[in-house]
Amino acid sequence: MDSSVIAALAALTGAALGGFTSVVASWLTQHAQAKAQRLAQNQLRRQDIYEKFIKNAAKLYIHALQNDKGEVSDLMELYADLSRMRTLSSANVVDRADQIVKKIINAYLEPNKTFPELREMANSGLIDPLRDFSEACRAESERLHFGPPA
């Protein structure tokens, strides 16, 4: 073979390889950026659901401690939030939220609490049914943000 043909083939091969590498690198970068954007959007959706659930659950729990008649529509709103969590959240977070809803329902069936009893519950930490749920949410967020532990 002529040396000029070999040089031309080598140049074409190098150009094709360089172009292919550039396309693959660009695709990988776009793929990583799209994945990061999806994760960020899912995290925001989770935060919105958790915020709404915490707000409604806290309101319903204190109502349940002081009343024996619950609003079914308010409970159904909590169950709707719980269903939304099932599509985005870890099983641990969903289980904790489910425990809160059950605790609210059970609180409606217990005798109403007086203000001094509520103060005693607050002092002993019993009035915070959302603690395990919020800790599970934080752990999930850290795991998703930093990846699985090594």
Protein backbone atom coordinates (compact mmCIF):
# COMPACT_ATOMS: atom_id res chain seq x y z
CA MET A 1 0.00 0.00 0.00
CA ASP A 2 1.00 3.50 -0.68
CA SER A 3 2.08 5.49 2.38
CA SER A 4 -0.25 8.36 1.42
CA VAL A 5 -3.26 5.98 1.49
CA ILE A 6 -2.20 4.67 4.90
CA ALA A 7 -1.80 8.24 6.19
CA ALA A 8 -5.23 9.21 4.83
CA LEU A 9 -6.90 6.12 6.37
CA ALA A 10 -5.21 6.84 9.70
CA ALA A 11 -6.41 10.46 9.58
CA LEU A 12 -9.97 9.38 8.72
CA THR A 13 -9.95 6.74 11.46
CA GLY A 14 -8.68 9.27 13.99
CA ALA A 15 -11.29 11.83 12.97
CA ALA A 16 -14.09 9.24 13.16
CA LEU A 17 -12.90 8.03 16.55
CA GLY A 18 -12.62 11.57 17.85
CA GLY A 19 -16.11 12.43 16.59
CA PHE A 20 -17.57 9.27 18.09
CA THR A 21 -15.91 9.99 21.43
CA SER A 22 -17.25 13.53 21.38
CA VAL A 23 -20.80 12.33 20.67
CA VAL A 24 -20.64 9.71 23.44
CA ALA A 25 -19.25 12.23 25.95
CA SER A 26 -21.96 14.73 25.04
CA TRP A 27 -24.68 12.08 25.38
CA LEU A 28 -23.36 10.96 28.77
CA THR A 29 -23.27 14.56 30.01
CA GLN A 30 -26.84 15.23 28.86
CA HIS A 31 -28.01 11.94 30.38
CA ALA A 32 -26.43 12.80 33.75
CA GLN A 33 -27.93 16.30 33.69
CA ALA A 34 -31.40 14.96 32.86
CA LYS A 35 -31.16 12.40 35.68
CA ALA A 36 -30.06 15.08 38.16
CA GLN A 37 -32.96 17.29 37.07
CA ARG A 38 -35.47 14.43 37.49
CA LEU A 39 -34.12 13.69 40.97
CA ALA A 40 -34.35 17.36 41.95
CA GLN A 41 -37.94 17.58 40.68
CA ASN A 42 -38.90 14.41 42.56
CA GLN A 43 -37.29 15.79 45.71
CA LEU A 44 -39.34 18.99 45.41
CA ARG A 45 -42.52 16.99 44.85
CA ARG A 46 -41.75 14.89 47.93
CA GLN A 47 -41.08 17.99 50.01
CA ASP A 48 -44.40 19.52 48.94
CA ILE A 49 -46.31 16.34 49.82
CA TYR A 50 -44.51 15.99 53.17
CA GLU A 51 -45.13 19.62 54.07
CA LYS A 52 -48.84 19.33 53.33
CA PHE A 53 -49.11 16.00 55.16
CA ILE A 54 -47.33 17.32 58.27
CA LYS A 55 -49.48 20.44 58.38
CA ASN A 56 -52.75 18.52 57.99
CA ALA A 57 -51.75 15.66 60.30
CA ALA A 58 -50.72 18.04 63.09
CA LYS A 59 -54.00 19.92 62.80
CA LEU A 60 -56.05 16.72 62.79
CA TYR A 61 -54.11 15.15 65.66
CA ILE A 62 -54.70 18.06 68.03
CA HIS A 63 -58.36 18.09 66.94
CA ALA A 64 -58.59 14.35 67.64
CA LEU A 65 -57.13 14.81 71.11
CA GLN A 66 -59.83 17.34 71.98
CA ASN A 67 -62.83 15.93 70.07
CA ASP A 68 -64.47 12.60 69.53
CA LYS A 69 -65.99 13.31 66.13
CA GLY A 70 -63.63 13.48 63.20
CA GLU A 71 -64.15 14.92 59.77
CA VAL A 72 -64.01 12.07 57.29
CA SER A 73 -63.08 14.45 54.47
CA ASP A 74 -60.01 15.62 56.42
CA LEU A 75 -58.96 12.01 57.04
CA MET A 76 -59.44 11.21 53.37
CA GLU A 77 -57.18 14.14 52.49
CA LEU A 78 -54.47 12.54 54.64
CA TYR A 79 -55.02 9.22 52.88
CA ALA A 80 -54.75 11.01 49.52
CA ASP A 81 -51.39 12.46 50.61
CA LEU A 82 -50.35 8.99 51.73
CA SER A 83 -51.23 7.60 48.31
CA ARG A 84 -49.16 10.31 46.62
CA MET A 85 -46.25 9.37 48.89
CA ARG A 86 -46.51 5.76 47.74
CA THR A 87 -45.61 6.85 44.21
CA LEU A 88 -42.47 8.78 45.22
CA SER A 89 -41.32 7.81 48.69
CA SER A 90 -39.52 4.93 50.33
CA ALA A 91 -41.50 2.25 52.10
CA ASN A 92 -40.14 3.49 55.43
CA VAL A 93 -41.58 6.98 54.92
CA VAL A 94 -44.94 5.59 53.80
CA ASP A 95 -45.08 3.25 56.81
CA ARG A 96 -44.37 6.14 59.20
CA ALA A 97 -47.10 8.25 57.58
CA ASP A 98 -49.54 5.36 57.79
CA GLN A 99 -48.77 5.02 61.52
CA ILE A 100 -49.63 8.70 62.00
CA VAL A 101 -53.01 8.33 60.29
CA LYS A 102 -53.81 5.32 62.47
CA LYS A 103 -52.73 7.22 65.57
CA ILE A 104 -55.07 10.10 64.61
CA ILE A 105 -58.00 7.73 64.12
CA ASN A 106 -57.28 6.05 67.46
CA ALA A 107 -57.06 9.46 69.17
CA TYR A 108 -60.64 10.20 68.11
CA LEU A 109 -61.72 7.02 69.88
CA GLU A 110 -59.97 7.91 73.15
CA PRO A 111 -61.38 10.24 75.81
CA ASN A 112 -60.90 13.93 75.04
CA LYS A 113 -57.83 15.54 76.59
CA THR A 114 -58.02 18.60 78.80
CA PHE A 115 -55.56 21.43 78.42
CA PRO A 116 -53.53 20.32 81.47
CA GLU A 117 -53.35 16.82 79.97
CA LEU A 118 -52.16 18.31 76.68
CA ARG A 119 -49.48 20.27 78.56
CA GLU A 120 -48.37 17.07 80.28
CA MET A 121 -48.23 15.27 76.92
CA ALA A 122 -46.16 18.13 75.46
CA ASN A 123 -43.73 18.04 78.38
CA SER A 124 -43.28 14.28 78.08
CA GLY A 125 -42.93 14.35 74.27
CA LEU A 126 -46.07 12.29 73.66
CA ILE A 127 -47.79 15.04 71.69
CA ASP A 128 -45.34 14.77 68.77
CA PRO A 129 -46.53 11.87 66.60
CA LEU A 130 -44.73 13.33 63.57
CA ARG A 131 -41.17 12.91 64.87
CA ASP A 132 -40.51 9.44 63.37
CA PHE A 133 -42.07 10.51 60.07
CA SER A 134 -39.98 13.68 59.78
CA GLU A 135 -36.81 11.78 60.69
CA ALA A 136 -37.59 9.15 58.03
CA CYS A 137 -38.13 11.96 55.49
CA ARG A 138 -34.79 13.53 56.37
CA ALA A 139 -32.99 10.17 56.13
CA GLU A 140 -34.59 9.52 52.74
CA SER A 141 -33.55 12.95 51.49
CA GLU A 142 -29.96 12.44 52.65
CA ARG A 143 -29.82 8.99 51.07
CA LEU A 144 -31.11 10.29 47.74
CA HIS A 145 -28.86 13.35 47.80
CA PHE A 146 -25.65 11.62 48.81
CA GLY A 147 -26.33 8.15 47.49
CA PRO A 148 -26.27 4.89 49.39
CA PRO A 149 -23.88 4.60 52.31
CA ALA A 150 -20.54 2.97 51.55
